[in-house]
Amino acid sequence: MRKILITVVLIVVSFNALADEDHEHSMQITKLNNAAYSWIDKAKMAYTGVFTGIQDYRGQSCTLRLSLAPNAALTNVQAEKGDKNLCTAATSAAWNTKFPPFPDDATYQMFKSFPLDLNL
């Protein structure tokens, strides 16, 4: 009987430890998601703030690949597909954008190279 009780106690303790680990992991993911969404909002505001005449490209689309340094400086822009006129203007706007600093290395790792899809 004592052996069964010890086994049950160990199982309960193990489940509680797993629950604590899951909660900790969940909190880390939530924190990372919040940082990422916050950075995206700031980056979008910075980009759209320098993209003048964007309404002239209504009905067009373009996908750019942006590469950023750890300090959020743009290091490369490549048009992957889309309407040439919009892609040219979007590339120019990207080079003129001062992207916000990354809040942490994990956010940088997520956005060091990412597609920017413009569907106007």
PDB file of N, CA and C in Angstrom:
ATOM      1  N   MET A   1       0.817  -1.195   0.000  1.00  0.00           N
ATOM      2  CA  MET A   1       0.000   0.000   0.000  1.00  0.00           C
ATOM      3  C   MET A   1       0.854   1.249   0.000  1.00  0.00           C
ATOM      4  N   ARG A   2       1.957   1.230   0.784  1.00  0.00           N
ATOM      5  CA  ARG A   2       2.842   2.382   0.879  1.00  0.00           C
ATOM      6  C   ARG A   2       3.499   2.658  -0.488  1.00  0.00           C
ATOM      7  N   LYS A   3       3.863   1.599  -1.224  1.00  0.00           N
ATOM      8  CA  LYS A   3       4.485   1.757  -2.524  1.00  0.00           C
ATOM      9  C   LYS A   3       3.519   2.426  -3.503  1.00  0.00           C
ATOM     10  N   ILE A   4       2.263   2.063  -3.471  1.00  0.00           N
ATOM     11  CA  ILE A   4       1.246   2.666  -4.334  1.00  0.00           C
ATOM     12  C   ILE A   4       1.071   4.137  -3.988  1.00  0.00           C
ATOM     13  N   LEU A   5       1.027   4.474  -2.710  1.00  0.00           N
ATOM     14  CA  LEU A   5       0.860   5.848  -2.271  1.00  0.00           C
ATOM     15  C   LEU A   5       2.035   6.703  -2.732  1.00  0.00           C
ATOM     16  N   ILE A   6       3.247   6.197  -2.605  1.00  0.00           N
ATOM     17  CA  ILE A   6       4.431   6.938  -3.043  1.00  0.00           C
ATOM     18  C   ILE A   6       4.380   7.155  -4.548  1.00  0.00           C
ATOM     19  N   THR A   7       3.973   6.144  -5.297  1.00  0.00           N
ATOM     20  CA  THR A   7       3.855   6.263  -6.745  1.00  0.00           C
ATOM     21  C   THR A   7       2.826   7.317  -7.116  1.00  0.00           C
ATOM     22  N   VAL A   8       1.681   7.319  -6.440  1.00  0.00           N
ATOM     23  CA  VAL A   8       0.634   8.308  -6.711  1.00  0.00           C
ATOM     24  C   VAL A   8       1.144   9.706  -6.390  1.00  0.00           C
ATOM     25  N   VAL A   9       1.831   9.871  -5.271  1.00  0.00           N
ATOM     26  CA  VAL A   9       2.380  11.179  -4.909  1.00  0.00           C
ATOM     27  C   VAL A   9       3.385  11.643  -5.954  1.00  0.00           C
ATOM     28  N   LEU A  10       4.249  10.741  -6.433  1.00  0.00           N
ATOM     29  CA  LEU A  10       5.228  11.101  -7.448  1.00  0.00           C
ATOM     30  C   LEU A  10       4.544  11.497  -8.756  1.00  0.00           C
ATOM     31  N   ILE A  11       3.500  10.800  -9.111  1.00  0.00           N
ATOM     32  CA  ILE A  11       2.758  11.136 -10.334  1.00  0.00           C
ATOM     33  C   ILE A  11       2.116  12.506 -10.203  1.00  0.00           C
ATOM     34  N   VAL A  12       1.496  12.789  -9.073  1.00  0.00           N
ATOM     35  CA  VAL A  12       0.858  14.090  -8.854  1.00  0.00           C
ATOM     36  C   VAL A  12       1.902  15.201  -8.891  1.00  0.00           C
ATOM     37  N   VAL A  13       3.026  14.993  -8.228  1.00  0.00           N
ATOM     38  CA  VAL A  13       4.104  15.983  -8.240  1.00  0.00           C
ATOM     39  C   VAL A  13       4.609  16.188  -9.664  1.00  0.00           C
ATOM     40  N   SER A  14       4.756  15.106 -10.428  1.00  0.00           N
ATOM     41  CA  SER A  14       5.219  15.200 -11.808  1.00  0.00           C
ATOM     42  C   SER A  14       4.239  15.995 -12.661  1.00  0.00           C
ATOM     43  N   PHE A  15       2.933  15.725 -12.503  1.00  0.00           N
ATOM     44  CA  PHE A  15       1.932  16.469 -13.262  1.00  0.00           C
ATOM     45  C   PHE A  15       1.960  17.947 -12.892  1.00  0.00           C
ATOM     46  N   ASN A  16       2.118  18.249 -11.622  1.00  0.00           N
ATOM     47  CA  ASN A  16       2.195  19.646 -11.204  1.00  0.00           C
ATOM     48  C   ASN A  16       3.435  20.319 -11.797  1.00  0.00           C
ATOM     49  N   ALA A  17       4.553  19.616 -11.827  1.00  0.00           N
ATOM     50  CA  ALA A  17       5.775  20.172 -12.417  1.00  0.00           C
ATOM     51  C   ALA A  17       5.583  20.416 -13.907  1.00  0.00           C
ATOM     52  N   LEU A  18       4.939  19.459 -14.593  1.00  0.00           N
ATOM     53  CA  LEU A  18       4.654  19.638 -16.021  1.00  0.00           C
ATOM     54  C   LEU A  18       3.719  20.809 -16.248  1.00  0.00           C
ATOM     55  N   ALA A  19       2.708  20.934 -15.405  1.00  0.00           N
ATOM     56  CA  ALA A  19       1.776  22.050 -15.530  1.00  0.00           C
ATOM     57  C   ALA A  19       2.506  23.371 -15.334  1.00  0.00           C
ATOM     58  N   ASP A  20       3.418  23.428 -14.365  1.00  0.00           N
ATOM     59  CA  ASP A  20       4.202  24.637 -14.143  1.00  0.00           C
ATOM     60  C   ASP A  20       5.086  24.947 -15.349  1.00  0.00           C
ATOM     61  N   GLU A  21       5.715  23.904 -15.926  1.00  0.00           N
ATOM     62  CA  GLU A  21       6.548  24.094 -17.113  1.00  0.00           C
ATOM     63  C   GLU A  21       5.705  24.569 -18.287  1.00  0.00           C
ATOM     64  N   ASP A  22       4.522  23.963 -18.484  1.00  0.00           N
ATOM     65  CA  ASP A  22       3.633  24.381 -19.562  1.00  0.00           C
ATOM     66  C   ASP A  22       3.203  25.831 -19.376  1.00  0.00           C
ATOM     67  N   HIS A  23       2.880  26.202 -18.151  1.00  0.00           N
ATOM     68  CA  HIS A  23       2.465  27.576 -17.861  1.00  0.00           C
ATOM     69  C   HIS A  23       3.621  28.534 -18.147  1.00  0.00           C
ATOM     70  N   GLU A  24       4.817  28.159 -17.706  1.00  0.00           N
ATOM     71  CA  GLU A  24       6.009  28.992 -17.945  1.00  0.00           C
ATOM     72  C   GLU A  24       6.250  29.140 -19.443  1.00  0.00           C
ATOM     73  N   HIS A  25       6.164  28.042 -20.173  1.00  0.00           N
ATOM     74  CA  HIS A  25       6.357  28.068 -21.623  1.00  0.00           C
ATOM     75  C   HIS A  25       5.287  28.924 -22.283  1.00  0.00           C
ATOM     76  N   SER A  26       4.069  28.785 -21.853  1.00  0.00           N
ATOM     77  CA  SER A  26       2.968  29.577 -22.389  1.00  0.00           C
ATOM     78  C   SER A  26       3.187  31.067 -22.140  1.00  0.00           C
ATOM     79  N   MET A  27       3.676  31.399 -20.965  1.00  0.00           N
ATOM     80  CA  MET A  27       3.941  32.801 -20.640  1.00  0.00           C
ATOM     81  C   MET A  27       5.075  33.348 -21.514  1.00  0.00           C
ATOM     82  N   GLN A  28       6.090  32.529 -21.788  1.00  0.00           N
ATOM     83  CA  GLN A  28       7.192  32.968 -22.645  1.00  0.00           C
ATOM     84  C   GLN A  28       6.700  33.218 -24.066  1.00  0.00           C
ATOM     85  N   ILE A  29       5.852  32.335 -24.553  1.00  0.00           N
ATOM     86  CA  ILE A  29       5.294  32.500 -25.901  1.00  0.00           C
ATOM     87  C   ILE A  29       4.438  33.753 -25.960  1.00  0.00           C
ATOM     88  N   THR A  30       3.616  33.973 -24.947  1.00  0.00           N
ATOM     89  CA  THR A  30       2.770  35.166 -24.915  1.00  0.00           C
ATOM     90  C   THR A  30       3.622  36.427 -24.918  1.00  0.00           C
ATOM     91  N   LYS A  31       4.679  36.435 -24.136  1.00  0.00           N
ATOM     92  CA  LYS A  31       5.573  37.592 -24.075  1.00  0.00           C
ATOM     93  C   LYS A  31       6.220  37.835 -25.442  1.00  0.00           C
ATOM     94  N   LEU A  32       6.681  36.763 -26.089  1.00  0.00           N
ATOM     95  CA  LEU A  32       7.297  36.885 -27.406  1.00  0.00           C
ATOM     96  C   LEU A  32       6.283  37.385 -28.426  1.00  0.00           C
ATOM     97  N   ASN A  33       5.070  36.844 -28.407  1.00  0.00           N
ATOM     98  CA  ASN A  33       4.034  37.296 -29.332  1.00  0.00           C
ATOM     99  C   ASN A  33       3.710  38.765 -29.117  1.00  0.00           C
ATOM    100  N   ASN A  34       3.600  39.192 -27.871  1.00  0.00           N
ATOM    101  CA  ASN A  34       3.319  40.597 -27.586  1.00  0.00           C
ATOM    102  C   ASN A  34       4.430  41.488 -28.118  1.00  0.00           C
ATOM    103  N   ALA A  35       5.671  41.100 -27.917  1.00  0.00           N
ATOM    104  CA  ALA A  35       6.809  41.882 -28.413  1.00  0.00           C
ATOM    105  C   ALA A  35       6.787  41.933 -29.938  1.00  0.00           C
ATOM    106  N   ALA A  36       6.501  40.805 -30.576  1.00  0.00           N
ATOM    107  CA  ALA A  36       6.469  40.738 -32.037  1.00  0.00           C
ATOM    108  C   ALA A  36       5.355  41.608 -32.596  1.00  0.00           C
ATOM    109  N   TYR A  37       4.149  41.501 -32.044  1.00  0.00           N
ATOM    110  CA  TYR A  37       3.032  42.318 -32.530  1.00  0.00           C
ATOM    111  C   TYR A  37       3.296  43.797 -32.317  1.00  0.00           C
ATOM    112  N   SER A  38       3.889  44.143 -31.202  1.00  0.00           N
ATOM    113  CA  SER A  38       4.220  45.534 -30.925  1.00  0.00           C
ATOM    114  C   SER A  38       5.230  46.042 -31.943  1.00  0.00           C
ATOM    115  N   TRP A  39       6.257  45.238 -32.233  1.00  0.00           N
ATOM    116  CA  TRP A  39       7.261  45.645 -33.208  1.00  0.00           C
ATOM    117  C   TRP A  39       6.641  45.789 -34.595  1.00  0.00           C
ATOM    118  N   ILE A  40       5.782  44.851 -34.980  1.00  0.00           N
ATOM    119  CA  ILE A  40       5.124  44.921 -36.292  1.00  0.00           C
ATOM    120  C   ILE A  40       4.318  46.202 -36.420  1.00  0.00           C
ATOM    121  N   ASP A  41       3.549  46.548 -35.400  1.00  0.00           N
ATOM    122  CA  ASP A  41       2.744  47.777 -35.438  1.00  0.00           C
ATOM    123  C   ASP A  41       3.626  49.003 -35.630  1.00  0.00           C
ATOM    124  N   LYS A  42       4.727  49.071 -34.890  1.00  0.00           N
ATOM    125  CA  LYS A  42       5.640  50.215 -35.005  1.00  0.00           C
ATOM    126  C   LYS A  42       6.310  50.252 -36.382  1.00  0.00           C
ATOM    127  N   ALA A  43       6.719  49.090 -36.876  1.00  0.00           N
ATOM    128  CA  ALA A  43       7.365  49.019 -38.191  1.00  0.00           C
ATOM    129  C   ALA A  43       6.386  49.430 -39.289  1.00  0.00           C
ATOM    130  N   LYS A  44       5.148  48.989 -39.181  1.00  0.00           N
ATOM    131  CA  LYS A  44       4.127  49.346 -40.174  1.00  0.00           C
ATOM    132  C   LYS A  44       3.896  50.852 -40.184  1.00  0.00           C
ATOM    133  N   MET A  45       3.808  51.448 -39.000  1.00  0.00           N
ATOM    134  CA  MET A  45       3.616  52.899 -38.923  1.00  0.00           C
ATOM    135  C   MET A  45       4.806  53.641 -39.526  1.00  0.00           C
ATOM    136  N   ALA A  46       6.016  53.176 -39.239  1.00  0.00           N
ATOM    137  CA  ALA A  46       7.210  53.817 -39.786  1.00  0.00           C
ATOM    138  C   ALA A  46       7.225  53.713 -41.311  1.00  0.00           C
ATOM    139  N   TYR A  47       6.891  52.540 -41.828  1.00  0.00           N
ATOM    140  CA  TYR A  47       6.924  52.312 -43.275  1.00  0.00           C
ATOM    141  C   TYR A  47       5.853  53.121 -43.998  1.00  0.00           C
ATOM    142  N   THR A  48       4.634  53.042 -43.513  1.00  0.00           N
ATOM    143  CA  THR A  48       3.553  53.764 -44.194  1.00  0.00           C
ATOM    144  C   THR A  48       3.724  55.281 -44.063  1.00  0.00           C
ATOM    145  N   GLY A  49       4.458  55.714 -43.037  1.00  0.00           N
ATOM    146  CA  GLY A  49       4.716  57.142 -42.865  1.00  0.00           C
ATOM    147  C   GLY A  49       5.618  57.727 -43.937  1.00  0.00           C
ATOM    148  N   VAL A  50       6.465  56.916 -44.548  1.00  0.00           N
ATOM    149  CA  VAL A  50       7.368  57.410 -45.593  1.00  0.00           C
ATOM    150  C   VAL A  50       6.918  57.028 -47.003  1.00  0.00           C
ATOM    151  N   PHE A  51       5.919  56.179 -47.111  1.00  0.00           N
ATOM    152  CA  PHE A  51       5.448  55.737 -48.425  1.00  0.00           C
ATOM    153  C   PHE A  51       4.384  56.726 -48.908  1.00  0.00           C
ATOM    154  N   THR A  52       4.849  57.781 -49.543  1.00  0.00           N
ATOM    155  CA  THR A  52       3.924  58.804 -50.043  1.00  0.00           C
ATOM    156  C   THR A  52       3.323  58.345 -51.370  1.00  0.00           C
ATOM    157  N   GLY A  53       2.086  58.731 -51.598  1.00  0.00           N
ATOM    158  CA  GLY A  53       1.413  58.405 -52.846  1.00  0.00           C
ATOM    159  C   GLY A  53       0.988  56.961 -52.955  1.00  0.00           C
ATOM    160  N   ILE A  54       0.870  56.280 -51.840  1.00  0.00           N
ATOM    161  CA  ILE A  54       0.512  54.862 -51.854  1.00  0.00           C
ATOM    162  C   ILE A  54      -0.847  54.627 -52.528  1.00  0.00           C
ATOM    163  N   GLN A  55      -1.734  55.626 -52.414  1.00  0.00           N
ATOM    164  CA  GLN A  55      -3.072  55.483 -53.011  1.00  0.00           C
ATOM    165  C   GLN A  55      -3.015  55.419 -54.538  1.00  0.00           C
ATOM    166  N   ASP A  56      -1.911  55.869 -55.130  1.00  0.00           N
ATOM    167  CA  ASP A  56      -1.762  55.818 -56.591  1.00  0.00           C
ATOM    168  C   ASP A  56      -1.595  54.391 -57.116  1.00  0.00           C
ATOM    169  N   TYR A  57      -1.359  53.445 -56.226  1.00  0.00           N
ATOM    170  CA  TYR A  57      -1.100  52.064 -56.622  1.00  0.00           C
ATOM    171  C   TYR A  57      -2.269  51.135 -56.300  1.00  0.00           C
ATOM    172  N   ARG A  58      -3.432  51.716 -56.087  1.00  0.00           N
ATOM    173  CA  ARG A  58      -4.620  50.921 -55.761  1.00  0.00           C
ATOM    174  C   ARG A  58      -4.848  49.858 -56.830  1.00  0.00           C
ATOM    175  N   GLY A  59      -5.133  48.643 -56.373  1.00  0.00           N
ATOM    176  CA  GLY A  59      -5.365  47.516 -57.277  1.00  0.00           C
ATOM    177  C   GLY A  59      -4.096  46.743 -57.618  1.00  0.00           C
ATOM    178  N   GLN A  60      -2.955  47.231 -57.165  1.00  0.00           N
ATOM    179  CA  GLN A  60      -1.692  46.562 -57.454  1.00  0.00           C
ATOM    180  C   GLN A  60      -1.217  45.778 -56.227  1.00  0.00           C
ATOM    181  N   SER A  61      -0.259  44.913 -56.459  1.00  0.00           N
ATOM    182  CA  SER A  61       0.323  44.138 -55.351  1.00  0.00           C
ATOM    183  C   SER A  61       1.820  43.965 -55.576  1.00  0.00           C
ATOM    184  N   CYS A  62       2.509  43.729 -54.477  1.00  0.00           N
ATOM    185  CA  CYS A  62       3.949  43.519 -54.525  1.00  0.00           C
ATOM    186  C   CYS A  62       4.378  42.794 -53.262  1.00  0.00           C
ATOM    187  N   THR A  63       5.321  41.893 -53.408  1.00  0.00           N
ATOM    188  CA  THR A  63       5.941  41.233 -52.255  1.00  0.00           C
ATOM    189  C   THR A  63       7.421  41.558 -52.269  1.00  0.00           C
ATOM    190  N   LEU A  64       7.872  42.172 -51.162  1.00  0.00           N
ATOM    191  CA  LEU A  64       9.290  42.473 -50.974  1.00  0.00           C
ATOM    192  C   LEU A  64       9.845  41.543 -49.916  1.00  0.00           C
ATOM    193  N   ARG A  65      11.127  41.246 -50.015  1.00  0.00           N
ATOM    194  CA  ARG A  65      11.839  40.522 -48.956  1.00  0.00           C
ATOM    195  C   ARG A  65      12.765  41.543 -48.308  1.00  0.00           C
ATOM    196  N   LEU A  66      12.520  41.837 -47.020  1.00  0.00           N
ATOM    197  CA  LEU A  66      13.332  42.790 -46.278  1.00  0.00           C
ATOM    198  C   LEU A  66      14.300  42.033 -45.382  1.00  0.00           C
ATOM    199  N   SER A  67      15.537  42.514 -45.325  1.00  0.00           N
ATOM    200  CA  SER A  67      16.538  41.963 -44.417  1.00  0.00           C
ATOM    201  C   SER A  67      17.013  43.096 -43.514  1.00  0.00           C
ATOM    202  N   LEU A  68      17.020  42.821 -42.208  1.00  0.00           N
ATOM    203  CA  LEU A  68      17.388  43.835 -41.226  1.00  0.00           C
ATOM    204  C   LEU A  68      18.558  43.364 -40.373  1.00  0.00           C
ATOM    205  N   ALA A  69      19.369  44.322 -39.943  1.00  0.00           N
ATOM    206  CA  ALA A  69      20.471  44.058 -39.022  1.00  0.00           C
ATOM    207  C   ALA A  69      19.922  44.020 -37.595  1.00  0.00           C
ATOM    208  N   PRO A  70      20.701  43.546 -36.639  1.00  0.00           N
ATOM    209  CA  PRO A  70      20.231  43.512 -35.249  1.00  0.00           C
ATOM    210  C   PRO A  70      19.812  44.880 -34.694  1.00  0.00           C
ATOM    211  N   ASN A  71      20.368  45.958 -35.257  1.00  0.00           N
ATOM    212  CA  ASN A  71      19.966  47.300 -34.817  1.00  0.00           C
ATOM    213  C   ASN A  71      18.764  47.823 -35.605  1.00  0.00           C
ATOM    214  N   ALA A  72      18.134  46.962 -36.395  1.00  0.00           N
ATOM    215  CA  ALA A  72      16.936  47.241 -37.203  1.00  0.00           C
ATOM    216  C   ALA A  72      17.233  48.085 -38.437  1.00  0.00           C
ATOM    217  N   ALA A  73      18.499  48.258 -38.776  1.00  0.00           N
ATOM    218  CA  ALA A  73      18.843  48.947 -40.013  1.00  0.00           C
ATOM    219  C   ALA A  73      18.583  48.009 -41.190  1.00  0.00           C
ATOM    220  N   LEU A  74      17.999  48.554 -42.235  1.00  0.00           N
ATOM    221  CA  LEU A  74      17.725  47.767 -43.436  1.00  0.00           C
ATOM    222  C   LEU A  74      19.042  47.433 -44.128  1.00  0.00           C
ATOM    223  N   THR A  75      19.243  46.168 -44.438  1.00  0.00           N
ATOM    224  CA  THR A  75      20.470  45.748 -45.113  1.00  0.00           C
ATOM    225  C   THR A  75      20.227  45.313 -46.556  1.00  0.00           C
ATOM    226  N   ASN A  76      18.976  44.921 -46.867  1.00  0.00           N
ATOM    227  CA  ASN A  76      18.683  44.486 -48.225  1.00  0.00           C
ATOM    228  C   ASN A  76      17.171  44.503 -48.447  1.00  0.00           C
ATOM    229  N   VAL A  77      16.806  44.815 -49.678  1.00  0.00           N
ATOM    230  CA  VAL A  77      15.411  44.738 -50.115  1.00  0.00           C
ATOM    231  C   VAL A  77      15.410  44.073 -51.476  1.00  0.00           C
ATOM    232  N   GLN A  78      14.534  43.095 -51.636  1.00  0.00           N
ATOM    233  CA  GLN A  78      14.435  42.417 -52.920  1.00  0.00           C
ATOM    234  C   GLN A  78      12.960  42.260 -53.266  1.00  0.00           C
ATOM    235  N   ALA A  79      12.585  42.714 -54.470  1.00  0.00           N
ATOM    236  CA  ALA A  79      11.224  42.505 -54.955  1.00  0.00           C
ATOM    237  C   ALA A  79      11.104  41.050 -55.384  1.00  0.00           C
ATOM    238  N   GLU A  80      10.160  40.331 -54.775  1.00  0.00           N
ATOM    239  CA  GLU A  80       9.992  38.914 -55.109  1.00  0.00           C
ATOM    240  C   GLU A  80       8.964  38.704 -56.210  1.00  0.00           C
ATOM    241  N   LYS A  81       7.895  39.495 -56.170  1.00  0.00           N
ATOM    242  CA  LYS A  81       6.869  39.389 -57.216  1.00  0.00           C
ATOM    243  C   LYS A  81       5.946  40.589 -57.106  1.00  0.00           C
ATOM    244  N   GLY A  82       5.249  40.867 -58.199  1.00  0.00           N
ATOM    245  CA  GLY A  82       4.257  41.925 -58.159  1.00  0.00           C
ATOM    246  C   GLY A  82       4.391  42.925 -59.283  1.00  0.00           C
ATOM    247  N   ASP A  83       3.572  43.970 -59.178  1.00  0.00           N
ATOM    248  CA  ASP A  83       3.556  45.036 -60.169  1.00  0.00           C
ATOM    249  C   ASP A  83       4.825  45.875 -60.062  1.00  0.00           C
ATOM    250  N   LYS A  84       5.487  46.070 -61.205  1.00  0.00           N
ATOM    251  CA  LYS A  84       6.801  46.723 -61.218  1.00  0.00           C
ATOM    252  C   LYS A  84       6.760  48.121 -60.597  1.00  0.00           C
ATOM    253  N   ASN A  85       5.781  48.933 -60.964  1.00  0.00           N
ATOM    254  CA  ASN A  85       5.731  50.313 -60.449  1.00  0.00           C
ATOM    255  C   ASN A  85       5.571  50.333 -58.934  1.00  0.00           C
ATOM    256  N   LEU A  86       4.679  49.504 -58.419  1.00  0.00           N
ATOM    257  CA  LEU A  86       4.485  49.447 -56.967  1.00  0.00           C
ATOM    258  C   LEU A  86       5.743  48.915 -56.294  1.00  0.00           C
ATOM    259  N   CYS A  87       6.345  47.866 -56.838  1.00  0.00           N
ATOM    260  CA  CYS A  87       7.544  47.294 -56.228  1.00  0.00           C
ATOM    261  C   CYS A  87       8.684  48.308 -56.185  1.00  0.00           C
ATOM    262  N   THR A  88       8.829  49.113 -57.229  1.00  0.00           N
ATOM    263  CA  THR A  88       9.868  50.142 -57.253  1.00  0.00           C
ATOM    264  C   THR A  88       9.622  51.178 -56.163  1.00  0.00           C
ATOM    265  N   ALA A  89       8.385  51.649 -56.073  1.00  0.00           N
ATOM    266  CA  ALA A  89       8.047  52.643 -55.049  1.00  0.00           C
ATOM    267  C   ALA A  89       8.146  52.057 -53.642  1.00  0.00           C
ATOM    268  N   ALA A  90       7.719  50.806 -53.476  1.00  0.00           N
ATOM    269  CA  ALA A  90       7.760  50.147 -52.170  1.00  0.00           C
ATOM    270  C   ALA A  90       9.205  49.914 -51.726  1.00  0.00           C
ATOM    271  N   THR A  91      10.078  49.585 -52.672  1.00  0.00           N
ATOM    272  CA  THR A  91      11.493  49.403 -52.359  1.00  0.00           C
ATOM    273  C   THR A  91      12.105  50.718 -51.895  1.00  0.00           C
ATOM    274  N   SER A  92      11.807  51.783 -52.607  1.00  0.00           N
ATOM    275  CA  SER A  92      12.309  53.100 -52.224  1.00  0.00           C
ATOM    276  C   SER A  92      11.822  53.490 -50.825  1.00  0.00           C
ATOM    277  N   ALA A  93      10.548  53.242 -50.553  1.00  0.00           N
ATOM    278  CA  ALA A  93       9.994  53.553 -49.227  1.00  0.00           C
ATOM    279  C   ALA A  93      10.689  52.735 -48.139  1.00  0.00           C
ATOM    280  N   ALA A  94      10.981  51.478 -48.432  1.00  0.00           N
ATOM    281  CA  ALA A  94      11.660  50.631 -47.444  1.00  0.00           C
ATOM    282  C   ALA A  94      13.033  51.200 -47.100  1.00  0.00           C
ATOM    283  N   TRP A  95      13.780  51.634 -48.127  1.00  0.00           N
ATOM    284  CA  TRP A  95      15.112  52.187 -47.873  1.00  0.00           C
ATOM    285  C   TRP A  95      15.048  53.483 -47.070  1.00  0.00           C
ATOM    286  N   ASN A  96      13.944  54.196 -47.182  1.00  0.00           N
ATOM    287  CA  ASN A  96      13.792  55.466 -46.458  1.00  0.00           C
ATOM    288  C   ASN A  96      13.172  55.305 -45.072  1.00  0.00           C
ATOM    289  N   THR A  97      12.792  54.104 -44.720  1.00  0.00           N
ATOM    290  CA  THR A  97      12.145  53.846 -43.430  1.00  0.00           C
ATOM    291  C   THR A  97      13.181  53.637 -42.336  1.00  0.00           C
ATOM    292  N   LYS A  98      12.951  54.291 -41.207  1.00  0.00           N
ATOM    293  CA  LYS A  98      13.762  54.028 -40.012  1.00  0.00           C
ATOM    294  C   LYS A  98      12.956  53.047 -39.164  1.00  0.00           C
ATOM    295  N   PHE A  99      13.286  51.773 -39.278  1.00  0.00           N
ATOM    296  CA  PHE A  99      12.554  50.744 -38.553  1.00  0.00           C
ATOM    297  C   PHE A  99      12.849  50.849 -37.058  1.00  0.00           C
ATOM    298  N   PRO A 100      11.849  50.541 -36.238  1.00  0.00           N
ATOM    299  CA  PRO A 100      12.043  50.650 -34.784  1.00  0.00           C
ATOM    300  C   PRO A 100      13.025  49.587 -34.290  1.00  0.00           C
ATOM    301  N   PRO A 101      13.715  49.871 -33.190  1.00  0.00           N
ATOM    302  CA  PRO A 101      14.633  48.863 -32.654  1.00  0.00           C
ATOM    303  C   PRO A 101      13.876  47.624 -32.194  1.00  0.00           C
ATOM    304  N   PHE A 102      14.540  46.509 -32.275  1.00  0.00           N
ATOM    305  CA  PHE A 102      13.943  45.272 -31.794  1.00  0.00           C
ATOM    306  C   PHE A 102      13.979  45.267 -30.273  1.00  0.00           C
ATOM    307  N   PRO A 103      12.889  44.818 -29.635  1.00  0.00           N
ATOM    308  CA  PRO A 103      12.867  44.804 -28.170  1.00  0.00           C
ATOM    309  C   PRO A 103      13.779  43.748 -27.554  1.00  0.00           C
ATOM    310  N   ASP A 104      14.090  42.702 -28.344  1.00  0.00           N
ATOM    311  CA  ASP A 104      14.939  41.625 -27.837  1.00  0.00           C
ATOM    312  C   ASP A 104      15.443  40.799 -29.012  1.00  0.00           C
ATOM    313  N   ASP A 105      16.377  39.911 -28.733  1.00  0.00           N
ATOM    314  CA  ASP A 105      16.972  39.092 -29.787  1.00  0.00           C
ATOM    315  C   ASP A 105      15.957  38.132 -30.403  1.00  0.00           C
ATOM    316  N   ALA A 106      15.029  37.638 -29.609  1.00  0.00           N
ATOM    317  CA  ALA A 106      14.030  36.697 -30.150  1.00  0.00           C
ATOM    318  C   ALA A 106      13.180  37.370 -31.230  1.00  0.00           C
ATOM    319  N   THR A 107      12.818  38.622 -31.018  1.00  0.00           N
ATOM    320  CA  THR A 107      12.034  39.349 -32.022  1.00  0.00           C
ATOM    321  C   THR A 107      12.891  39.596 -33.264  1.00  0.00           C
ATOM    322  N   TYR A 108      14.152  39.954 -33.060  1.00  0.00           N
ATOM    323  CA  TYR A 108      15.060  40.121 -34.203  1.00  0.00           C
ATOM    324  C   TYR A 108      15.141  38.828 -35.016  1.00  0.00           C
ATOM    325  N   GLN A 109      15.279  37.694 -34.339  1.00  0.00           N
ATOM    326  CA  GLN A 109      15.387  36.420 -35.039  1.00  0.00           C
ATOM    327  C   GLN A 109      14.150  36.149 -35.898  1.00  0.00           C
ATOM    328  N   MET A 110      12.990  36.599 -35.419  1.00  0.00           N
ATOM    329  CA  MET A 110      11.747  36.400 -36.177  1.00  0.00           C
ATOM    330  C   MET A 110      11.688  37.279 -37.426  1.00  0.00           C
ATOM    331  N   PHE A 111      12.286  38.481 -37.343  1.00  0.00           N
ATOM    332  CA  PHE A 111      12.113  39.466 -38.409  1.00  0.00           C
ATOM    333  C   PHE A 111      13.403  39.907 -39.083  1.00  0.00           C
ATOM    334  N   LYS A 112      14.476  39.157 -38.928  1.00  0.00           N
ATOM    335  CA  LYS A 112      15.720  39.570 -39.577  1.00  0.00           C
ATOM    336  C   LYS A 112      15.607  39.464 -41.104  1.00  0.00           C
ATOM    337  N   SER A 113      14.742  38.603 -41.576  1.00  0.00           N
ATOM    338  CA  SER A 113      14.427  38.515 -42.997  1.00  0.00           C
ATOM    339  C   SER A 113      12.972  38.087 -43.100  1.00  0.00           C
ATOM    340  N   PHE A 114      12.155  38.925 -43.727  1.00  0.00           N
ATOM    341  CA  PHE A 114      10.723  38.621 -43.777  1.00  0.00           C
ATOM    342  C   PHE A 114      10.101  39.198 -45.038  1.00  0.00           C
ATOM    343  N   PRO A 115       9.004  38.595 -45.501  1.00  0.00           N
ATOM    344  CA  PRO A 115       8.302  39.132 -46.659  1.00  0.00           C
ATOM    345  C   PRO A 115       7.371  40.262 -46.231  1.00  0.00           C
ATOM    346  N   LEU A 116       7.307  41.286 -47.065  1.00  0.00           N
ATOM    347  CA  LEU A 116       6.358  42.372 -46.871  1.00  0.00           C
ATOM    348  C   LEU A 116       5.393  42.313 -48.038  1.00  0.00           C
ATOM    349  N   ASP A 117       4.167  41.912 -47.765  1.00  0.00           N
ATOM    350  CA  ASP A 117       3.140  41.773 -48.802  1.00  0.00           C
ATOM    351  C   ASP A 117       2.294  43.030 -48.852  1.00  0.00           C
ATOM    352  N   LEU A 118       2.268  43.667 -50.014  1.00  0.00           N
ATOM    353  CA  LEU A 118       1.443  44.838 -50.220  1.00  0.00           C
ATOM    354  C   LEU A 118       0.356  44.480 -51.228  1.00  0.00           C
ATOM    355  N   ASN A 119      -0.871  44.539 -50.797  1.00  0.00           N
ATOM    356  CA  ASN A 119      -2.021  44.301 -51.662  1.00  0.00           C
ATOM    357  C   ASN A 119      -2.934  45.508 -51.515  1.00  0.00           C
ATOM    358  N   LEU A 120      -2.850  46.407 -52.485  1.00  0.00           N
ATOM    359  CA  LEU A 120      -3.554  47.683 -52.358  1.00  0.00           C
ATOM    360  C   LEU A 120      -4.863  47.736 -53.101  1.00  0.00           C
TER     361      LEU A 120
END
